[in-house]
């Protein structure tokens, strides 16, 4: 591979931001773990994971493209370098990458909706609109403080319950609860992002929750989204190993809450990846709490 090609590949990898993928993997894995015995298919599970990851990568490319074109991204941006704003990739290249990632999501999603429940047509359509409407179009919903709610919805209830619908598995109360809870720390990733960017977002007219609420209330929201799921899933009446697992996960959440109170601006960048991995850890805890312990 030539140096030029290798450099281009590196730029694409940085632009795709694969460190965000644990946020997409955790909820889908949890959903597959909640499939009622007799309904599970490995092929369907793999396709669900491919679709979720493709949508996550598409979101990353769409945000890079649309925020760059709209002028939200400026040279004083505090977050990880955006490809369009930095001149790494052109708008045409990003559009092509967005088409490819959305294409993978649509192709895998079509298999799921054709052989899964009819409601997947609705959820799949909403997911594509969610990718494109977050920062694109005339009235991006991220600019109106709806980003965190949308992330919670798509990475919580949609990911978990959609996994069950794809497997033709009955939806249980445990699955509904899991969908509500697992999306919360994923939404917390966006809270970190918006807390960091609140000043530049306000200048660009992007009225995120961090812009509307200020840093104190935004940090409280982060604490609620990270600690809340653990507070309502204490391992009461479970073996000692469950308490150890819950405690370790709780210490990780407390560490994140402590750091977001100490940091601001570009120093928050490190918390993005850590919160993404915490969301995966919480998904694993919910799996242990709802599946293994119940069995």
Protein backbone atom coordinates (compact mmCIF):
# COMPACT_ATOMS: atom_id res chain seq x y z
CA UNK A 1 0.00 0.00 0.00
CA UNK A 2 1.44 3.37 -1.02
CA UNK A 3 1.97 6.13 1.52
CA UNK A 4 -0.76 8.24 -0.08
CA UNK A 5 -3.32 5.43 0.10
CA UNK A 6 -2.30 4.59 3.66
CA UNK A 7 -2.71 8.24 4.66
CA UNK A 8 -6.16 8.38 3.05
CA UNK A 9 -7.24 5.24 4.87
CA UNK A 10 -6.06 6.76 8.15
CA UNK A 11 -8.10 9.91 7.49
CA UNK A 12 -11.21 7.84 6.77
CA UNK A 13 -10.76 5.80 9.95
CA UNK A 14 -10.40 8.98 12.01
CA UNK A 15 -13.47 10.46 10.32
CA UNK A 16 -15.60 7.36 10.89
CA UNK A 17 -14.70 7.49 14.62
CA UNK A 18 -14.86 3.75 15.38
CA UNK A 19 -14.43 4.49 19.11
CA UNK A 20 -18.15 5.33 19.16
CA UNK A 21 -19.14 1.82 18.06
CA UNK A 22 -19.45 0.33 21.59
CA UNK A 23 -22.49 2.58 22.00
CA UNK A 24 -24.15 0.81 19.05
CA UNK A 25 -23.01 -2.70 19.98
CA UNK A 26 -24.14 -2.81 23.62
CA UNK A 27 -27.89 -2.22 23.16
CA UNK A 28 -28.13 -4.69 20.25
CA UNK A 29 -26.24 -7.38 22.18
CA UNK A 30 -28.58 -6.84 25.10
CA UNK A 31 -31.58 -7.13 22.82
CA UNK A 32 -30.30 -10.40 21.37
CA UNK A 33 -29.68 -11.76 24.86
CA UNK A 34 -33.33 -11.10 25.73
CA UNK A 35 -34.66 -13.14 22.78
CA UNK A 36 -37.00 -15.83 24.07
CA UNK A 37 -35.51 -19.34 23.64
CA UNK A 38 -36.57 -20.96 20.41
CA UNK A 39 -36.62 -17.69 18.46
CA UNK A 40 -32.90 -16.92 18.22
CA UNK A 41 -31.09 -16.90 14.85
CA UNK A 42 -27.36 -16.21 14.57
CA UNK A 43 -27.78 -14.76 11.08
CA UNK A 44 -30.39 -12.30 12.29
CA UNK A 45 -28.23 -11.34 15.28
CA UNK A 46 -25.22 -10.64 13.05
CA UNK A 47 -27.33 -8.58 10.64
CA UNK A 48 -28.73 -6.55 13.54
CA UNK A 49 -25.19 -5.74 14.67
CA UNK A 50 -24.07 -4.83 11.14
CA UNK A 51 -27.08 -2.56 10.65
CA UNK A 52 -26.59 -0.80 14.00
CA UNK A 53 -22.88 -0.23 13.41
CA UNK A 54 -23.47 1.04 9.87
CA UNK A 55 -26.04 3.52 11.18
CA UNK A 56 -23.61 4.72 13.86
CA UNK A 57 -20.88 5.31 11.29
CA UNK A 58 -23.39 7.07 9.04
CA UNK A 59 -24.31 9.40 11.91
CA UNK A 60 -20.64 10.29 12.39
CA UNK A 61 -20.22 11.10 8.69
CA UNK A 62 -23.50 13.02 8.50
CA UNK A 63 -22.54 15.21 11.47
CA UNK A 64 -19.13 15.93 9.95
CA UNK A 65 -20.69 16.82 6.60
CA UNK A 66 -23.71 18.84 7.71
CA UNK A 67 -21.99 20.73 10.55
CA UNK A 68 -19.17 21.62 8.18
CA UNK A 69 -21.51 22.85 5.45
CA UNK A 70 -23.70 24.82 7.86
CA UNK A 71 -20.78 26.61 9.49
CA UNK A 72 -21.25 25.09 12.94
CA UNK A 73 -17.69 23.72 12.78
CA UNK A 74 -15.17 26.55 12.95
CA UNK A 75 -11.36 26.62 13.35
CA UNK A 76 -11.76 27.05 17.13
CA UNK A 77 -13.69 23.78 17.46
CA UNK A 78 -12.76 22.00 20.71
CA UNK A 79 -13.77 18.48 19.76
CA UNK A 80 -11.96 15.87 17.67
CA UNK A 81 -10.97 17.22 14.26
CA UNK A 82 -13.74 17.14 11.68
CA UNK A 83 -12.67 16.03 8.20
CA UNK A 84 -14.56 18.64 6.17
CA UNK A 85 -13.66 21.57 8.39
CA UNK A 86 -9.98 20.54 8.43
CA UNK A 87 -9.85 19.90 4.69
CA UNK A 88 -9.02 16.21 5.09
CA UNK A 89 -11.96 15.10 2.93
CA UNK A 90 -14.20 16.96 0.52
CA UNK A 91 -17.96 17.27 0.83
CA UNK A 92 -18.31 14.96 -2.18
CA UNK A 93 -16.17 12.30 -0.48
CA UNK A 94 -18.19 12.55 2.72
CA UNK A 95 -21.44 12.27 0.76
CA UNK A 96 -20.08 9.13 -0.90
CA UNK A 97 -19.08 7.69 2.47
CA UNK A 98 -22.50 8.54 3.88
CA UNK A 99 -24.16 6.81 0.92
CA UNK A 100 -22.05 3.68 1.46
CA UNK A 101 -22.69 3.42 5.21
CA UNK A 102 -26.40 4.12 4.80
CA UNK A 103 -26.43 1.61 1.94
CA UNK A 104 -25.02 -1.10 4.21
CA UNK A 105 -27.60 -0.20 6.86
CA UNK A 106 -30.44 -0.31 4.31
CA UNK A 107 -29.34 -3.62 2.75
CA UNK A 108 -28.97 -5.37 6.11
CA UNK A 109 -32.11 -3.66 7.36
CA UNK A 110 -34.12 -4.84 4.35
CA UNK A 111 -33.30 -8.45 5.17
CA UNK A 112 -34.47 -7.85 8.74
CA UNK A 113 -37.73 -6.18 7.77
CA UNK A 114 -38.52 -8.73 5.06
CA UNK A 115 -38.15 -11.66 7.44
CA UNK A 116 -38.93 -9.89 10.71
CA UNK A 117 -41.94 -8.12 12.16
CA UNK A 118 -43.73 -5.51 10.04
CA UNK A 119 -43.05 -2.82 12.67
CA UNK A 120 -39.39 -2.92 11.60
CA UNK A 121 -40.41 -1.03 8.46
CA UNK A 122 -41.45 1.88 10.65
CA UNK A 123 -38.44 1.68 12.99
CA UNK A 124 -36.01 1.39 10.07
CA UNK A 125 -37.49 4.39 8.32
CA UNK A 126 -37.32 6.43 11.51
CA UNK A 127 -33.68 5.41 11.99
CA UNK A 128 -32.66 6.65 8.53
CA UNK A 129 -34.56 9.90 9.06
CA UNK A 130 -32.86 10.19 12.45
CA UNK A 131 -29.41 9.93 10.85
CA UNK A 132 -30.13 12.57 8.22
CA UNK A 133 -32.25 14.89 10.36
CA UNK A 134 -29.94 15.16 13.36
CA UNK A 135 -27.74 17.85 11.85
CA UNK A 136 -29.02 18.00 8.26
CA UNK A 137 -31.95 19.66 6.57
CA UNK A 138 -33.47 23.07 7.18
CA UNK A 139 -34.41 22.42 10.78
CA UNK A 140 -32.01 19.88 12.35
CA UNK A 141 -33.54 18.51 15.52
CA UNK A 142 -30.17 18.68 17.29
CA UNK A 143 -30.44 22.46 17.06
CA UNK A 144 -33.64 22.36 19.11
CA UNK A 145 -32.35 20.42 22.10
CA UNK A 146 -33.77 17.08 20.98
CA UNK A 147 -30.51 15.27 20.34
CA UNK A 148 -30.25 13.48 23.68
CA UNK A 149 -33.86 12.29 23.52
CA UNK A 150 -33.35 10.97 19.99
CA UNK A 151 -30.15 9.14 20.92
CA UNK A 152 -31.87 7.56 23.93
CA UNK A 153 -34.81 6.47 21.75
CA UNK A 154 -32.78 4.91 18.93
CA UNK A 155 -30.05 3.36 21.09
CA UNK A 156 -32.48 2.24 23.78
CA UNK A 157 -36.02 1.11 22.95
CA UNK A 158 -35.48 0.86 19.19
CA UNK A 159 -32.25 -1.15 19.44
CA UNK A 160 -33.51 -3.56 22.09
CA UNK A 161 -37.10 -4.03 20.99
CA UNK A 162 -36.08 -3.98 17.32
CA UNK A 163 -33.75 -6.89 18.03
CA UNK A 164 -36.67 -8.87 19.43
CA UNK A 165 -38.93 -7.98 16.51
CA UNK A 166 -36.23 -9.06 14.05
CA UNK A 167 -36.08 -12.44 15.80
CA UNK A 168 -39.89 -12.80 15.98
CA UNK A 169 -39.46 -12.97 19.74
CA UNK A 170 -42.20 -11.90 22.17
CA UNK A 171 -41.57 -8.55 23.85
CA UNK A 172 -41.36 -8.99 27.61
CA UNK A 173 -41.53 -6.42 30.41
CA UNK A 174 -37.83 -7.08 31.06
CA UNK A 175 -37.04 -6.12 27.45
CA UNK A 176 -39.02 -2.89 27.73
CA UNK A 177 -37.18 -1.99 30.94
CA UNK A 178 -33.84 -2.89 29.36
CA UNK A 179 -34.58 -0.69 26.35
CA UNK A 180 -35.41 2.27 28.58
CA UNK A 181 -32.28 1.89 30.70
CA UNK A 182 -29.59 0.92 28.18
CA UNK A 183 -30.14 4.01 26.04
CA UNK A 184 -29.45 6.39 28.92
CA UNK A 185 -25.62 6.17 29.06
CA UNK A 186 -25.51 6.33 25.25
CA UNK A 187 -27.37 9.64 25.45
CA UNK A 188 -24.80 10.68 28.07
CA UNK A 189 -22.12 10.56 25.35
CA UNK A 190 -23.94 13.33 23.52
CA UNK A 191 -24.29 15.24 26.79
CA UNK A 192 -20.49 15.31 27.07
CA UNK A 193 -20.17 16.42 23.46
CA UNK A 194 -22.70 19.23 23.85
CA UNK A 195 -21.29 20.37 27.19
CA UNK A 196 -17.90 20.79 25.54
CA UNK A 197 -19.33 22.66 22.55
CA UNK A 198 -21.91 24.82 24.34
CA UNK A 199 -20.15 28.12 23.62
CA UNK A 200 -19.48 27.51 19.93
CA UNK A 201 -22.94 25.97 19.50
CA UNK A 202 -24.56 29.04 21.04
CA UNK A 203 -22.62 31.28 18.67
CA UNK A 204 -23.84 29.21 15.71
CA UNK A 205 -27.46 29.24 16.92
CA UNK A 206 -27.43 25.54 17.80
CA UNK A 207 -29.64 25.43 20.90
CA UNK A 208 -28.66 22.13 22.48
CA UNK A 209 -29.67 21.25 26.04
CA UNK A 210 -26.22 22.34 27.22
CA UNK A 211 -26.77 25.77 25.65
CA UNK A 212 -30.25 26.05 27.15
CA UNK A 213 -29.49 24.67 30.61
CA UNK A 214 -25.89 25.67 31.29
CA UNK A 215 -23.03 23.56 32.60
CA UNK A 216 -24.37 22.81 36.10
CA UNK A 217 -27.69 21.33 34.99
CA UNK A 218 -26.03 19.55 32.07
CA UNK A 219 -23.61 17.85 34.43
CA UNK A 220 -26.54 16.78 36.60
CA UNK A 221 -28.19 15.30 33.53
CA UNK A 222 -25.02 13.33 32.82
CA UNK A 223 -25.04 11.97 36.38
CA UNK A 224 -28.69 10.93 36.02
CA UNK A 225 -28.08 9.15 32.73
CA UNK A 226 -25.04 7.23 33.99
CA UNK A 227 -26.02 6.44 37.58
CA UNK A 228 -29.78 6.18 37.13
CA UNK A 229 -29.84 2.74 35.43
CA UNK A 230 -27.71 1.27 38.20
CA UNK A 231 -29.84 2.81 40.94
CA UNK A 232 -32.95 0.97 39.71
CA UNK A 233 -31.23 -2.37 39.05
CA UNK A 234 -29.64 -3.16 42.40
CA UNK A 235 -28.81 -6.88 42.69
CA UNK A 236 -31.15 -7.49 45.64
CA UNK A 237 -31.49 -11.17 46.59
CA UNK A 238 -28.80 -12.13 44.06
CA UNK A 239 -25.49 -13.95 44.68
CA UNK A 240 -22.37 -12.11 45.79
CA UNK A 241 -20.88 -12.03 42.29
CA UNK A 242 -23.78 -9.84 41.18
CA UNK A 243 -23.06 -7.30 43.90
CA UNK A 244 -19.38 -7.23 42.89
CA UNK A 245 -20.28 -6.67 39.23
CA UNK A 246 -22.80 -3.96 40.12
CA UNK A 247 -20.30 -2.28 42.42
CA UNK A 248 -17.51 -2.22 39.84
CA UNK A 249 -19.88 -0.78 37.23
CA UNK A 250 -21.04 1.80 39.75
CA UNK A 251 -17.47 2.86 40.53
CA UNK A 252 -16.89 3.40 36.82
CA UNK A 253 -20.00 5.60 36.64
CA UNK A 254 -18.96 7.58 39.70
CA UNK A 255 -15.54 8.12 38.14
CA UNK A 256 -17.15 9.55 35.01
CA UNK A 257 -19.38 11.85 37.07
CA UNK A 258 -16.39 13.08 39.04
CA UNK A 259 -14.39 13.78 35.89
CA UNK A 260 -17.18 15.67 34.11
CA UNK A 261 -17.41 17.96 37.14
CA UNK A 262 -13.67 18.62 37.00
CA UNK A 263 -13.27 19.08 33.26
CA UNK A 264 -14.46 21.52 30.65
CA UNK A 265 -13.72 22.40 27.04
CA UNK A 266 -11.28 20.20 25.14
CA UNK A 267 -10.47 18.27 28.33
CA UNK A 268 -13.87 16.58 27.96
CA UNK A 269 -12.80 14.79 24.78
CA UNK A 270 -11.32 11.89 26.71
CA UNK A 271 -14.69 11.28 28.37
CA UNK A 272 -16.41 10.61 25.05
CA UNK A 273 -14.73 7.25 24.49
CA UNK A 274 -14.85 6.36 28.19
CA UNK A 275 -18.59 7.00 28.33
CA UNK A 276 -19.09 4.92 25.18
CA UNK A 277 -17.29 1.99 26.81
CA UNK A 278 -19.28 2.53 30.00
CA UNK A 279 -22.49 2.23 27.96
CA UNK A 280 -21.27 -1.18 26.79
CA UNK A 281 -20.41 -2.15 30.38
CA UNK A 282 -23.89 -1.15 31.52
CA UNK A 283 -25.44 -3.24 28.74
CA UNK A 284 -23.44 -6.23 30.01
CA UNK A 285 -24.58 -5.54 33.58
CA UNK A 286 -28.23 -5.41 32.47
CA UNK A 287 -27.70 -8.69 30.64
CA UNK A 288 -26.38 -10.28 33.84
CA UNK A 289 -29.16 -8.75 35.93
CA UNK A 290 -32.07 -9.56 33.62
CA UNK A 291 -30.96 -12.74 31.88
CA UNK A 292 -28.30 -14.69 33.78
CA UNK A 293 -29.60 -13.96 37.28
CA UNK A 294 -33.21 -14.56 36.26
CA UNK A 295 -32.27 -17.93 34.80
